[in-house]
Amino acid sequence: MTTCNSEIKFLNFLHQELELTNADIAVAQRHRQFDNGPLPMLLWQYGLVNLEQLERILDWLDDHH
């Protein structure tokens, strides 16, 4: 499975700006396989980010897509 450049940048944002761990992101990615929901919403639904962080994620995605 390859990871595109934009996905790498997004993961770097999650690590560097929001200080999420690999384990945090992995939890949401595992649930994404079952729910097929957007990663930012899964991060929020599972309590890995708060509403302010979710807004930052959505702003970042809007700026970079």
C-alpha atoms as a PDB file:
ATOM      1  CA  MET A   1       0.000   0.000   0.000  1.00  0.00           C
ATOM      2  CA  THR A   2       1.459   3.339  -0.995  1.00  0.00           C
ATOM      3  CA  THR A   3       0.892   6.592   0.782  1.00  0.00           C
ATOM      4  CA  CYS A   4       0.499   9.694  -1.335  1.00  0.00           C
ATOM      5  CA  ASN A   5       2.407  12.885  -0.611  1.00  0.00           C
ATOM      6  CA  SER A   6      -0.675  14.762   0.622  1.00  0.00           C
ATOM      7  CA  GLU A   7      -1.475  11.972   3.085  1.00  0.00           C
ATOM      8  CA  ILE A   8       2.094  12.082   4.398  1.00  0.00           C
ATOM      9  CA  LYS A   9       1.806  15.850   4.889  1.00  0.00           C
ATOM     10  CA  PHE A  10      -1.499  15.378   6.696  1.00  0.00           C
ATOM     11  CA  LEU A  11      -0.043  12.737   9.010  1.00  0.00           C
ATOM     12  CA  ASN A  12       2.922  15.023   9.708  1.00  0.00           C
ATOM     13  CA  PHE A  13       0.465  17.798  10.614  1.00  0.00           C
ATOM     14  CA  LEU A  14      -1.337  15.473  13.023  1.00  0.00           C
ATOM     15  CA  HIS A  15       1.967  14.483  14.650  1.00  0.00           C
ATOM     16  CA  GLN A  16       3.666  17.871  14.766  1.00  0.00           C
ATOM     17  CA  GLU A  17       0.837  20.354  15.255  1.00  0.00           C
ATOM     18  CA  LEU A  18      -1.660  18.308  17.250  1.00  0.00           C
ATOM     19  CA  GLU A  19       0.901  16.019  18.881  1.00  0.00           C
ATOM     20  CA  LEU A  20      -1.073  12.863  18.124  1.00  0.00           C
ATOM     21  CA  THR A  21       0.836   9.633  18.526  1.00  0.00           C
ATOM     22  CA  ASN A  22       1.118   6.833  16.002  1.00  0.00           C
ATOM     23  CA  ALA A  23      -1.137   4.806  18.296  1.00  0.00           C
ATOM     24  CA  ASP A  24      -3.822   7.536  18.284  1.00  0.00           C
ATOM     25  CA  ILE A  25      -3.847   7.682  14.513  1.00  0.00           C
ATOM     26  CA  ALA A  26      -3.763   3.892  14.201  1.00  0.00           C
ATOM     27  CA  VAL A  27      -6.922   3.582  16.331  1.00  0.00           C
ATOM     28  CA  ALA A  28      -8.823   5.887  13.997  1.00  0.00           C
ATOM     29  CA  GLN A  29      -7.405   4.202  10.899  1.00  0.00           C
ATOM     30  CA  ARG A  30      -8.456   0.757  12.142  1.00  0.00           C
ATOM     31  CA  HIS A  31     -11.996   1.989  12.753  1.00  0.00           C
ATOM     32  CA  ARG A  32     -11.959   3.686   9.357  1.00  0.00           C
ATOM     33  CA  GLN A  33     -11.762   0.237   7.764  1.00  0.00           C
ATOM     34  CA  PHE A  34     -15.076  -0.668   9.400  1.00  0.00           C
ATOM     35  CA  ASP A  35     -16.880   2.691   9.428  1.00  0.00           C
ATOM     36  CA  ASN A  36     -15.421   4.067   6.182  1.00  0.00           C
ATOM     37  CA  GLY A  37     -15.736   7.513   7.737  1.00  0.00           C
ATOM     38  CA  PRO A  38     -13.398  10.446   7.267  1.00  0.00           C
ATOM     39  CA  LEU A  39     -10.318  10.245   9.468  1.00  0.00           C
ATOM     40  CA  PRO A  40     -10.853  13.663  11.144  1.00  0.00           C
ATOM     41  CA  MET A  41     -14.351  12.679  12.266  1.00  0.00           C
ATOM     42  CA  LEU A  42     -13.140   9.330  13.576  1.00  0.00           C
ATOM     43  CA  LEU A  43     -10.377  11.052  15.545  1.00  0.00           C
ATOM     44  CA  TRP A  44     -13.041  13.252  17.135  1.00  0.00           C
ATOM     45  CA  GLN A  45     -15.594  10.461  17.679  1.00  0.00           C
ATOM     46  CA  TYR A  46     -13.043   8.360  19.533  1.00  0.00           C
ATOM     47  CA  GLY A  47     -11.980  11.280  21.725  1.00  0.00           C
ATOM     48  CA  LEU A  48      -8.512  11.596  20.212  1.00  0.00           C
ATOM     49  CA  VAL A  49      -9.048  15.268  19.330  1.00  0.00           C
ATOM     50  CA  ASN A  50     -11.347  17.912  20.777  1.00  0.00           C
ATOM     51  CA  LEU A  51     -13.607  20.260  18.790  1.00  0.00           C
ATOM     52  CA  GLU A  52     -10.948  22.970  18.545  1.00  0.00           C
ATOM     53  CA  GLN A  53      -8.448  20.464  17.175  1.00  0.00           C
ATOM     54  CA  LEU A  54     -11.063  19.116  14.766  1.00  0.00           C
ATOM     55  CA  GLU A  55     -11.580  22.651  13.454  1.00  0.00           C
ATOM     56  CA  ARG A  56      -7.812  23.012  12.989  1.00  0.00           C
ATOM     57  CA  ILE A  57      -7.730  19.724  11.075  1.00  0.00           C
ATOM     58  CA  LEU A  58     -10.610  20.763   8.826  1.00  0.00           C
ATOM     59  CA  ASP A  59      -8.993  24.170   8.201  1.00  0.00           C
ATOM     60  CA  TRP A  60      -5.699  22.472   7.335  1.00  0.00           C
ATOM     61  CA  LEU A  61      -7.423  20.106   4.940  1.00  0.00           C
ATOM     62  CA  ASP A  62      -9.290  23.003   3.326  1.00  0.00           C
ATOM     63  CA  ASP A  63      -6.018  24.906   2.859  1.00  0.00           C
ATOM     64  CA  HIS A  64      -4.155  21.917   1.436  1.00  0.00           C
ATOM     65  CA  HIS A  65      -6.700  20.371  -0.926  1.00  0.00           C
END
